[in-house]
Amino acid sequence: MKKIILMAETGSDINEELAAQYDIEIVPMHVNFDNETLDDGTFPVEKIVDYYESTGKLPKTSATTPVDFEERFDELHGKYPEAHILYLAYSAVTTCTYQNALIAAEGRDYITAIDTKKASAGQGAIVISVARILQENPDISLEELVKKAEEFIEHGKMCFLPDNLDFLHAGGRVSNAAYMGAKILSIHPCIEFVDGKLVATKKYRGKMKKLADKLIREYAESYQLKKDEIWMIKTVGLSEEVMETAEATAKECGFERIQWIKAGAVITTHGGPGAFGIAGFSE
């Protein structure tokens, strides 16, 4: 059987340890600070927050380019000429990364690309779940593995609560009126991935400690999340108190394994510091 190589972007928030553990190739997305462009994952995430606090504006995120993909495709093909690359992409409606991969894949018949319709831990959970199947069944065919990936994508769920709307407002994603109202009333919109799009589906009010508990209970019940594993997302600045509450709630709800994912620069630029989210798979 041909070797299958899994690939995702840094926006999946699969860190170096997980990438090494599950043999996943990670390609960089990018962050632009005025005239400086840096690869996501090559600098401390705190730089995003520091930049906003010192300038009052956000850096710009940008997709993995066709050249990024071409270089990595050629590198891997040179090392493993008989291998097939299965690229599980960051939501295609939110960035042109997936389209750029398709451009780079032209003329390269050893690449299959699939839109996960998720990002951060939502995408990461899908990619790692596929990687586990591949590790357990190294002789699995590409067709079978693609089918498994599509099942994970269909059942994958993800949402998050920003601690505040400062970054969403600075990025032009919420109006002044909504921003001021949320600030005064301590409102946290629940933002979900729905058909690949980020959609505010519900409003929560109060402190993040209480809301983390409530979000886990309501979201898990609403989507009948499988109890074998829950993925928890944190951006820089999320307090230990909130994390402890979230873990205790997840255990009370019957989740057998808790996997924390720290958001990288791309996700932090959109969600801001102190955000909390969860991902899992519906029954």
C-alpha atoms as a PDB file:
ATOM      1  CA  MET A   1       0.000   0.000   0.000  1.00  0.00           C
ATOM      2  CA  LYS A   2       1.147   3.557  -0.676  1.00  0.00           C
ATOM      3  CA  LYS A   3       2.251   5.663   2.279  1.00  0.00           C
ATOM      4  CA  ILE A   4      -0.304   8.370   3.143  1.00  0.00           C
ATOM      5  CA  ILE A   5       0.964  11.675   4.531  1.00  0.00           C
ATOM      6  CA  LEU A   6      -1.464  13.916   6.414  1.00  0.00           C
ATOM      7  CA  MET A   7      -1.186  17.693   6.143  1.00  0.00           C
ATOM      8  CA  ALA A   8      -2.870  20.690   7.781  1.00  0.00           C
ATOM      9  CA  GLU A   9      -2.113  24.361   8.431  1.00  0.00           C
ATOM     10  CA  THR A  10      -0.937  26.056  11.607  1.00  0.00           C
ATOM     11  CA  GLY A  11      -4.491  27.400  11.937  1.00  0.00           C
ATOM     12  CA  SER A  12      -5.499  23.897  13.038  1.00  0.00           C
ATOM     13  CA  ASP A  13      -3.572  24.645  16.261  1.00  0.00           C
ATOM     14  CA  ILE A  14      -1.895  21.242  16.186  1.00  0.00           C
ATOM     15  CA  ASN A  15       1.292  21.963  18.112  1.00  0.00           C
ATOM     16  CA  GLU A  16       4.720  20.496  17.387  1.00  0.00           C
ATOM     17  CA  GLU A  17       4.318  17.730  19.956  1.00  0.00           C
ATOM     18  CA  LEU A  18       0.993  16.528  18.550  1.00  0.00           C
ATOM     19  CA  ALA A  19       2.248  16.863  14.974  1.00  0.00           C
ATOM     20  CA  ALA A  20       5.257  14.682  15.817  1.00  0.00           C
ATOM     21  CA  GLN A  21       3.165  12.176  17.773  1.00  0.00           C
ATOM     22  CA  TYR A  22       0.709  11.678  14.924  1.00  0.00           C
ATOM     23  CA  ASP A  23       3.106  12.264  12.009  1.00  0.00           C
ATOM     24  CA  ILE A  24       1.225  15.275  10.614  1.00  0.00           C
ATOM     25  CA  GLU A  25       2.831  17.777   8.259  1.00  0.00           C
ATOM     26  CA  ILE A  26       2.042  21.376   9.240  1.00  0.00           C
ATOM     27  CA  VAL A  27       2.298  24.272   6.764  1.00  0.00           C
ATOM     28  CA  PRO A  28       2.300  27.879   7.964  1.00  0.00           C
ATOM     29  CA  MET A  29      -0.371  30.493   7.680  1.00  0.00           C
ATOM     30  CA  HIS A  30       0.900  34.059   8.101  1.00  0.00           C
ATOM     31  CA  VAL A  31       0.451  37.176  10.225  1.00  0.00           C
ATOM     32  CA  ASN A  32       1.235  40.675   8.966  1.00  0.00           C
ATOM     33  CA  PHE A  33       2.432  43.375  11.379  1.00  0.00           C
ATOM     34  CA  ASP A  34       2.554  46.589   9.349  1.00  0.00           C
ATOM     35  CA  ASN A  35       5.490  45.868   6.992  1.00  0.00           C
ATOM     36  CA  GLU A  36       6.575  42.639   8.673  1.00  0.00           C
ATOM     37  CA  THR A  37       5.115  39.253   7.741  1.00  0.00           C
ATOM     38  CA  LEU A  38       5.735  36.312  10.084  1.00  0.00           C
ATOM     39  CA  ASP A  39       4.812  32.644   9.879  1.00  0.00           C
ATOM     40  CA  ASP A  40       2.169  31.581  12.367  1.00  0.00           C
ATOM     41  CA  GLY A  41       3.856  29.417  14.987  1.00  0.00           C
ATOM     42  CA  THR A  42       7.275  31.092  14.790  1.00  0.00           C
ATOM     43  CA  PHE A  43       6.683  33.784  17.424  1.00  0.00           C
ATOM     44  CA  PRO A  44       4.977  34.030  20.832  1.00  0.00           C
ATOM     45  CA  VAL A  45       1.220  34.517  20.618  1.00  0.00           C
ATOM     46  CA  GLU A  46       1.555  37.297  23.198  1.00  0.00           C
ATOM     47  CA  LYS A  47       2.959  39.441  20.376  1.00  0.00           C
ATOM     48  CA  ILE A  48      -0.593  39.694  18.977  1.00  0.00           C
ATOM     49  CA  VAL A  49      -1.933  41.106  22.240  1.00  0.00           C
ATOM     50  CA  ASP A  50       1.044  43.411  22.740  1.00  0.00           C
ATOM     51  CA  TYR A  51       0.650  44.779  19.217  1.00  0.00           C
ATOM     52  CA  TYR A  52      -3.049  45.515  19.767  1.00  0.00           C
ATOM     53  CA  GLU A  53      -2.440  47.175  23.125  1.00  0.00           C
ATOM     54  CA  SER A  54       0.342  49.389  21.754  1.00  0.00           C
ATOM     55  CA  THR A  55      -1.276  50.346  18.418  1.00  0.00           C
ATOM     56  CA  GLY A  56      -5.020  49.918  18.946  1.00  0.00           C
ATOM     57  CA  LYS A  57      -5.218  47.774  15.800  1.00  0.00           C
ATOM     58  CA  LEU A  58      -4.897  44.126  14.914  1.00  0.00           C
ATOM     59  CA  PRO A  59      -2.324  42.481  12.670  1.00  0.00           C
ATOM     60  CA  LYS A  60      -3.682  40.942   9.475  1.00  0.00           C
ATOM     61  CA  THR A  61      -3.793  37.198   9.004  1.00  0.00           C
ATOM     62  CA  SER A  62      -3.133  35.677   5.603  1.00  0.00           C
ATOM     63  CA  ALA A  63      -3.451  32.268   4.032  1.00  0.00           C
ATOM     64  CA  THR A  64      -0.861  29.666   3.276  1.00  0.00           C
ATOM     65  CA  THR A  65       0.283  30.627  -0.244  1.00  0.00           C
ATOM     66  CA  PRO A  66       0.506  28.450  -3.371  1.00  0.00           C
ATOM     67  CA  VAL A  67       4.295  28.742  -3.102  1.00  0.00           C
ATOM     68  CA  ASP A  68       4.187  27.487   0.509  1.00  0.00           C
ATOM     69  CA  PHE A  69       2.276  24.445  -0.670  1.00  0.00           C
ATOM     70  CA  GLU A  70       4.391  23.861  -3.763  1.00  0.00           C
ATOM     71  CA  GLU A  71       7.591  23.866  -1.727  1.00  0.00           C
ATOM     72  CA  ARG A  72       6.213  21.441   0.862  1.00  0.00           C
ATOM     73  CA  PHE A  73       4.581  19.194  -1.757  1.00  0.00           C
ATOM     74  CA  ASP A  74       7.836  18.945  -3.704  1.00  0.00           C
ATOM     75  CA  GLU A  75       9.888  18.373  -0.560  1.00  0.00           C
ATOM     76  CA  LEU A  76       7.674  15.497   0.569  1.00  0.00           C
ATOM     77  CA  HIS A  77       7.417  14.022  -2.914  1.00  0.00           C
ATOM     78  CA  GLY A  78      11.207  14.060  -3.151  1.00  0.00           C
ATOM     79  CA  LYS A  79      11.522  12.151   0.131  1.00  0.00           C
ATOM     80  CA  TYR A  80       8.595   9.791  -0.461  1.00  0.00           C
ATOM     81  CA  PRO A  81       7.973   9.550  -4.224  1.00  0.00           C
ATOM     82  CA  GLU A  82       5.398   6.771  -3.826  1.00  0.00           C
ATOM     83  CA  ALA A  83       3.419   8.526  -1.078  1.00  0.00           C
ATOM     84  CA  HIS A  84       0.063  10.276  -1.369  1.00  0.00           C
ATOM     85  CA  ILE A  85      -0.608  13.520   0.522  1.00  0.00           C
ATOM     86  CA  LEU A  86      -4.019  13.935   2.157  1.00  0.00           C
ATOM     87  CA  TYR A  87      -4.482  17.599   3.012  1.00  0.00           C
ATOM     88  CA  LEU A  88      -7.287  18.351   5.499  1.00  0.00           C
ATOM     89  CA  ALA A  89      -7.906  22.055   5.129  1.00  0.00           C
ATOM     90  CA  TYR A  90      -8.875  25.002   7.289  1.00  0.00           C
ATOM     91  CA  SER A  91     -12.438  26.111   6.493  1.00  0.00           C
ATOM     92  CA  ALA A  92     -12.477  27.193   2.847  1.00  0.00           C
ATOM     93  CA  VAL A  93     -15.117  29.912   3.285  1.00  0.00           C
ATOM     94  CA  THR A  94     -12.954  31.778   5.802  1.00  0.00           C
ATOM     95  CA  THR A  95      -9.637  31.845   3.918  1.00  0.00           C
ATOM     96  CA  CYS A  96      -8.185  31.106   0.477  1.00  0.00           C
ATOM     97  CA  THR A  97      -5.740  28.537   1.887  1.00  0.00           C
ATOM     98  CA  TYR A  98      -7.726  25.583   0.505  1.00  0.00           C
ATOM     99  CA  GLN A  99      -7.948  27.219  -2.932  1.00  0.00           C
ATOM    100  CA  ASN A 100      -4.217  27.941  -2.843  1.00  0.00           C
ATOM    101  CA  ALA A 101      -3.543  24.269  -2.149  1.00  0.00           C
ATOM    102  CA  LEU A 102      -5.647  23.290  -5.161  1.00  0.00           C
ATOM    103  CA  ILE A 103      -3.643  25.706  -7.309  1.00  0.00           C
ATOM    104  CA  ALA A 104      -0.395  24.193  -6.058  1.00  0.00           C
ATOM    105  CA  ALA A 105      -1.737  20.657  -6.570  1.00  0.00           C
ATOM    106  CA  GLU A 106      -2.281  21.170 -10.315  1.00  0.00           C
ATOM    107  CA  GLY A 107      -0.118  18.709 -12.182  1.00  0.00           C
ATOM    108  CA  ARG A 108       0.621  16.792  -8.974  1.00  0.00           C
ATOM    109  CA  ASP A 109      -1.545  13.679  -8.948  1.00  0.00           C
ATOM    110  CA  TYR A 110      -0.327  12.568  -5.522  1.00  0.00           C
ATOM    111  CA  ILE A 111      -2.411  15.106  -3.584  1.00  0.00           C
ATOM    112  CA  THR A 112      -5.975  14.934  -2.271  1.00  0.00           C
ATOM    113  CA  ALA A 113      -7.464  17.998  -0.568  1.00  0.00           C
ATOM    114  CA  ILE A 114     -10.584  18.077   1.623  1.00  0.00           C
ATOM    115  CA  ASP A 115     -12.223  21.072   3.299  1.00  0.00           C
ATOM    116  CA  THR A 116     -12.783  20.267   7.000  1.00  0.00           C
ATOM    117  CA  LYS A 117     -15.140  23.286   7.338  1.00  0.00           C
ATOM    118  CA  LYS A 118     -13.490  23.963  10.700  1.00  0.00           C
ATOM    119  CA  ALA A 119     -10.471  25.717  12.195  1.00  0.00           C
ATOM    120  CA  SER A 120      -8.448  25.539  15.406  1.00  0.00           C
ATOM    121  CA  ALA A 121      -9.385  22.557  17.595  1.00  0.00           C
ATOM    122  CA  GLY A 122     -12.365  21.767  15.369  1.00  0.00           C
ATOM    123  CA  GLN A 123     -10.018  21.123  12.463  1.00  0.00           C
ATOM    124  CA  GLY A 124      -7.307  19.711  14.705  1.00  0.00           C
ATOM    125  CA  ALA A 125      -9.670  17.123  16.204  1.00  0.00           C
ATOM    126  CA  ILE A 126     -10.594  15.919  12.716  1.00  0.00           C
ATOM    127  CA  VAL A 127      -6.990  15.718  11.527  1.00  0.00           C
ATOM    128  CA  ILE A 128      -5.783  13.902  14.656  1.00  0.00           C
ATOM    129  CA  SER A 129      -8.729  11.482  14.558  1.00  0.00           C
ATOM    130  CA  VAL A 130      -7.808  10.606  10.972  1.00  0.00           C
ATOM    131  CA  ALA A 131      -4.153  10.270  12.010  1.00  0.00           C
ATOM    132  CA  ARG A 132      -5.110   7.810  14.750  1.00  0.00           C
ATOM    133  CA  ILE A 133      -6.928   5.644  12.243  1.00  0.00           C
ATOM    134  CA  LEU A 134      -3.923   5.758   9.937  1.00  0.00           C
ATOM    135  CA  GLN A 135      -1.569   4.753  12.758  1.00  0.00           C
ATOM    136  CA  GLU A 136      -3.827   1.890  13.785  1.00  0.00           C
ATOM    137  CA  ASN A 137      -4.358   0.777  10.179  1.00  0.00           C
ATOM    138  CA  PRO A 138      -1.217   1.663   8.194  1.00  0.00           C
ATOM    139  CA  ASP A 139      -2.423  -0.409   5.227  1.00  0.00           C
ATOM    140  CA  ILE A 140      -5.740   1.437   4.921  1.00  0.00           C
ATOM    141  CA  SER A 141      -6.501   2.587   1.384  1.00  0.00           C
ATOM    142  CA  LEU A 142      -6.719   6.263   0.481  1.00  0.00           C
ATOM    143  CA  GLU A 143     -10.389   5.809  -0.432  1.00  0.00           C
ATOM    144  CA  GLU A 144     -11.203   4.322   2.961  1.00  0.00           C
ATOM    145  CA  LEU A 145      -9.283   7.016   4.822  1.00  0.00           C
ATOM    146  CA  VAL A 146     -11.012   9.773   2.846  1.00  0.00           C
ATOM    147  CA  LYS A 147     -14.372   8.242   3.750  1.00  0.00           C
ATOM    148  CA  LYS A 148     -13.397   8.249   7.443  1.00  0.00           C
ATOM    149  CA  ALA A 149     -12.278  11.876   7.174  1.00  0.00           C
ATOM    150  CA  GLU A 150     -15.597  12.862   5.616  1.00  0.00           C
ATOM    151  CA  GLU A 151     -17.450  11.164   8.478  1.00  0.00           C
ATOM    152  CA  PHE A 152     -15.426  13.102  11.039  1.00  0.00           C
ATOM    153  CA  ILE A 153     -16.098  16.334   9.146  1.00  0.00           C
ATOM    154  CA  GLU A 154     -19.835  15.622   9.059  1.00  0.00           C
ATOM    155  CA  HIS A 155     -20.009  14.973  12.801  1.00  0.00           C
ATOM    156  CA  GLY A 156     -17.430  17.521  13.959  1.00  0.00           C
ATOM    157  CA  LYS A 157     -18.685  20.369  16.154  1.00  0.00           C
ATOM    158  CA  MET A 158     -16.903  23.437  17.500  1.00  0.00           C
ATOM    159  CA  CYS A 159     -17.784  26.666  19.278  1.00  0.00           C
ATOM    160  CA  PHE A 160     -16.043  29.305  21.372  1.00  0.00           C
ATOM    161  CA  LEU A 161     -16.792  32.236  23.659  1.00  0.00           C
ATOM    162  CA  PRO A 162     -14.614  35.359  23.382  1.00  0.00           C
ATOM    163  CA  ASP A 163     -13.792  36.913  26.741  1.00  0.00           C
ATOM    164  CA  ASN A 164     -14.688  40.277  25.231  1.00  0.00           C
ATOM    165  CA  LEU A 165     -15.392  41.714  21.794  1.00  0.00           C
ATOM    166  CA  ASP A 166     -12.358  44.004  21.600  1.00  0.00           C
ATOM    167  CA  PHE A 167     -10.586  42.005  18.902  1.00  0.00           C
ATOM    168  CA  LEU A 168     -13.767  41.225  16.960  1.00  0.00           C
ATOM    169  CA  HIS A 169     -14.638  44.913  17.034  1.00  0.00           C
ATOM    170  CA  ALA A 170     -11.144  46.006  16.014  1.00  0.00           C
ATOM    171  CA  GLY A 171     -11.290  43.552  13.138  1.00  0.00           C
ATOM    172  CA  GLY A 172     -14.587  45.002  11.920  1.00  0.00           C
ATOM    173  CA  ARG A 173     -16.606  41.896  12.742  1.00  0.00           C
ATOM    174  CA  VAL A 174     -19.078  43.532  15.127  1.00  0.00           C
ATOM    175  CA  SER A 175     -20.751  46.934  15.020  1.00  0.00           C
ATOM    176  CA  ASN A 176     -20.118  49.745  17.486  1.00  0.00           C
ATOM    177  CA  ALA A 177     -23.600  49.295  18.938  1.00  0.00           C
ATOM    178  CA  ALA A 178     -23.161  45.553  19.462  1.00  0.00           C
ATOM    179  CA  TYR A 179     -19.714  46.114  20.913  1.00  0.00           C
ATOM    180  CA  MET A 180     -20.866  48.705  23.440  1.00  0.00           C
ATOM    181  CA  GLY A 181     -23.911  46.687  24.415  1.00  0.00           C
ATOM    182  CA  ALA A 182     -21.839  43.570  25.007  1.00  0.00           C
ATOM    183  CA  LYS A 183     -19.290  45.531  27.043  1.00  0.00           C
ATOM    184  CA  ILE A 184     -21.918  47.107  29.294  1.00  0.00           C
ATOM    185  CA  LEU A 185     -23.977  43.944  29.776  1.00  0.00           C
ATOM    186  CA  SER A 186     -21.054  41.471  29.889  1.00  0.00           C
ATOM    187  CA  ILE A 187     -22.406  39.546  26.910  1.00  0.00           C
ATOM    188  CA  HIS A 188     -20.359  36.802  25.264  1.00  0.00           C
ATOM    189  CA  PRO A 189     -21.671  35.531  21.919  1.00  0.00           C
ATOM    190  CA  CYS A 190     -21.279  31.815  21.296  1.00  0.00           C
ATOM    191  CA  ILE A 191     -19.573  31.532  17.920  1.00  0.00           C
ATOM    192  CA  GLU A 192     -19.965  28.235  16.082  1.00  0.00           C
ATOM    193  CA  PHE A 193     -18.772  26.775  12.825  1.00  0.00           C
ATOM    194  CA  VAL A 194     -21.875  26.160  10.708  1.00  0.00           C
ATOM    195  CA  ASP A 195     -21.185  24.810   7.202  1.00  0.00           C
ATOM    196  CA  GLY A 196     -17.701  26.253   7.478  1.00  0.00           C
ATOM    197  CA  LYS A 197     -18.886  29.735   8.467  1.00  0.00           C
ATOM    198  CA  LEU A 198     -18.416  31.434  11.824  1.00  0.00           C
ATOM    199  CA  VAL A 199     -21.906  32.177  13.135  1.00  0.00           C
ATOM    200  CA  ALA A 200     -22.976  33.787  16.422  1.00  0.00           C
ATOM    201  CA  THR A 201     -25.728  31.428  17.558  1.00  0.00           C
ATOM    202  CA  LYS A 202     -26.430  32.315  21.177  1.00  0.00           C
ATOM    203  CA  LYS A 203     -25.623  34.989  23.749  1.00  0.00           C
ATOM    204  CA  TYR A 204     -24.252  34.212  27.183  1.00  0.00           C
ATOM    205  CA  ARG A 205     -24.033  36.724  30.003  1.00  0.00           C
ATOM    206  CA  GLY A 206     -21.731  36.727  32.996  1.00  0.00           C
ATOM    207  CA  LYS A 207     -18.235  35.690  34.033  1.00  0.00           C
ATOM    208  CA  MET A 208     -16.226  33.189  32.000  1.00  0.00           C
ATOM    209  CA  LYS A 209     -15.937  30.729  34.909  1.00  0.00           C
ATOM    210  CA  LYS A 210     -19.707  30.286  35.048  1.00  0.00           C
ATOM    211  CA  LEU A 211     -20.082  30.394  31.283  1.00  0.00           C
ATOM    212  CA  ALA A 212     -17.460  27.709  30.626  1.00  0.00           C
ATOM    213  CA  ASP A 213     -19.501  25.325  32.788  1.00  0.00           C
ATOM    214  CA  LYS A 214     -22.749  26.304  31.086  1.00  0.00           C
ATOM    215  CA  LEU A 215     -21.323  26.117  27.566  1.00  0.00           C
ATOM    216  CA  ILE A 216     -19.967  22.606  28.028  1.00  0.00           C
ATOM    217  CA  ARG A 217     -23.220  21.282  29.478  1.00  0.00           C
ATOM    218  CA  GLU A 218     -25.499  22.909  26.912  1.00  0.00           C
ATOM    219  CA  TYR A 219     -23.347  22.316  23.849  1.00  0.00           C
ATOM    220  CA  ALA A 220     -22.617  18.689  24.732  1.00  0.00           C
ATOM    221  CA  GLU A 221     -26.315  17.975  25.274  1.00  0.00           C
ATOM    222  CA  SER A 222     -27.492  19.938  22.246  1.00  0.00           C
ATOM    223  CA  TYR A 223     -25.243  18.040  19.841  1.00  0.00           C
ATOM    224  CA  GLN A 224     -25.062  14.746  21.761  1.00  0.00           C
ATOM    225  CA  LEU A 225     -21.271  14.861  21.758  1.00  0.00           C
ATOM    226  CA  LYS A 226     -19.503  11.539  22.057  1.00  0.00           C
ATOM    227  CA  LYS A 227     -18.122  11.094  25.538  1.00  0.00           C
ATOM    228  CA  ASP A 228     -14.816   9.427  24.672  1.00  0.00           C
ATOM    229  CA  GLU A 229     -13.065  12.781  24.198  1.00  0.00           C
ATOM    230  CA  ILE A 230     -13.605  16.532  24.346  1.00  0.00           C
ATOM    231  CA  TRP A 231     -11.243  19.127  22.929  1.00  0.00           C
ATOM    232  CA  MET A 232     -10.926  22.396  24.828  1.00  0.00           C
ATOM    233  CA  ILE A 233      -9.606  25.555  23.230  1.00  0.00           C
ATOM    234  CA  LYS A 234      -7.885  28.372  25.074  1.00  0.00           C
ATOM    235  CA  THR A 235      -6.333  31.578  23.881  1.00  0.00           C
ATOM    236  CA  VAL A 236      -3.538  33.280  25.783  1.00  0.00           C
ATOM    237  CA  GLY A 237      -4.813  34.813  29.020  1.00  0.00           C
ATOM    238  CA  LEU A 238      -7.490  32.262  29.885  1.00  0.00           C
ATOM    239  CA  SER A 239      -7.307  31.884  33.659  1.00  0.00           C
ATOM    240  CA  GLU A 240      -6.404  28.684  35.481  1.00  0.00           C
ATOM    241  CA  GLU A 241      -9.674  29.041  37.383  1.00  0.00           C
ATOM    242  CA  VAL A 242     -11.708  28.844  34.175  1.00  0.00           C
ATOM    243  CA  MET A 243      -9.646  25.885  32.959  1.00  0.00           C
ATOM    244  CA  GLU A 244     -10.136  24.001  36.225  1.00  0.00           C
ATOM    245  CA  THR A 245     -13.871  24.659  36.122  1.00  0.00           C
ATOM    246  CA  ALA A 246     -14.064  23.480  32.513  1.00  0.00           C
ATOM    247  CA  GLU A 247     -12.215  20.251  33.291  1.00  0.00           C
ATOM    248  CA  ALA A 248     -14.367  19.526  36.326  1.00  0.00           C
ATOM    249  CA  THR A 249     -17.541  20.092  34.311  1.00  0.00           C
ATOM    250  CA  ALA A 250     -16.343  17.880  31.457  1.00  0.00           C
ATOM    251  CA  LYS A 251     -15.644  15.063  33.917  1.00  0.00           C
ATOM    252  CA  GLU A 252     -19.069  15.512  35.528  1.00  0.00           C
ATOM    253  CA  CYS A 253     -20.613  15.262  32.056  1.00  0.00           C
ATOM    254  CA  GLY A 254     -18.888  11.929  31.531  1.00  0.00           C
ATOM    255  CA  PHE A 255     -16.126  12.852  29.101  1.00  0.00           C
ATOM    256  CA  GLU A 256     -13.366  10.269  29.368  1.00  0.00           C
ATOM    257  CA  ARG A 257     -10.484  12.278  27.939  1.00  0.00           C
ATOM    258  CA  ILE A 258      -9.821  16.021  27.885  1.00  0.00           C
ATOM    259  CA  GLN A 259      -7.448  17.439  25.292  1.00  0.00           C
ATOM    260  CA  TRP A 260      -6.415  21.082  25.644  1.00  0.00           C
ATOM    261  CA  ILE A 261      -5.453  23.029  22.526  1.00  0.00           C
ATOM    262  CA  LYS A 262      -3.739  26.415  22.806  1.00  0.00           C
ATOM    263  CA  ALA A 263      -4.739  28.704  19.970  1.00  0.00           C
ATOM    264  CA  GLY A 264      -1.960  30.069  17.800  1.00  0.00           C
ATOM    265  CA  ALA A 265      -1.583  33.532  16.315  1.00  0.00           C
ATOM    266  CA  VAL A 266      -4.202  33.219  13.562  1.00  0.00           C
ATOM    267  CA  ILE A 267      -7.017  32.146  15.883  1.00  0.00           C
ATOM    268  CA  THR A 268      -5.955  34.563  18.640  1.00  0.00           C
ATOM    269  CA  THR A 269      -6.089  37.469  16.185  1.00  0.00           C
ATOM    270  CA  HIS A 270      -9.761  36.695  15.586  1.00  0.00           C
ATOM    271  CA  GLY A 271     -10.903  35.556  19.039  1.00  0.00           C
ATOM    272  CA  GLY A 272      -8.757  37.704  21.287  1.00  0.00           C
ATOM    273  CA  PRO A 273      -7.158  36.779  24.622  1.00  0.00           C
ATOM    274  CA  GLY A 274      -8.988  34.850  27.324  1.00  0.00           C
ATOM    275  CA  ALA A 275     -11.318  33.020  24.925  1.00  0.00           C
ATOM    276  CA  PHE A 276     -12.603  29.512  25.658  1.00  0.00           C
ATOM    277  CA  GLY A 277     -14.075  26.936  23.320  1.00  0.00           C
ATOM    278  CA  ILE A 278     -14.829  23.268  22.858  1.00  0.00           C
ATOM    279  CA  ALA A 279     -14.859  20.776  20.018  1.00  0.00           C
ATOM    280  CA  GLY A 280     -16.032  17.203  19.667  1.00  0.00           C
ATOM    281  CA  PHE A 281     -18.018  14.800  17.557  1.00  0.00           C
ATOM    282  CA  SER A 282     -21.750  14.238  17.627  1.00  0.00           C
ATOM    283  CA  GLU A 283     -23.228  10.759  17.958  1.00  0.00           C
END
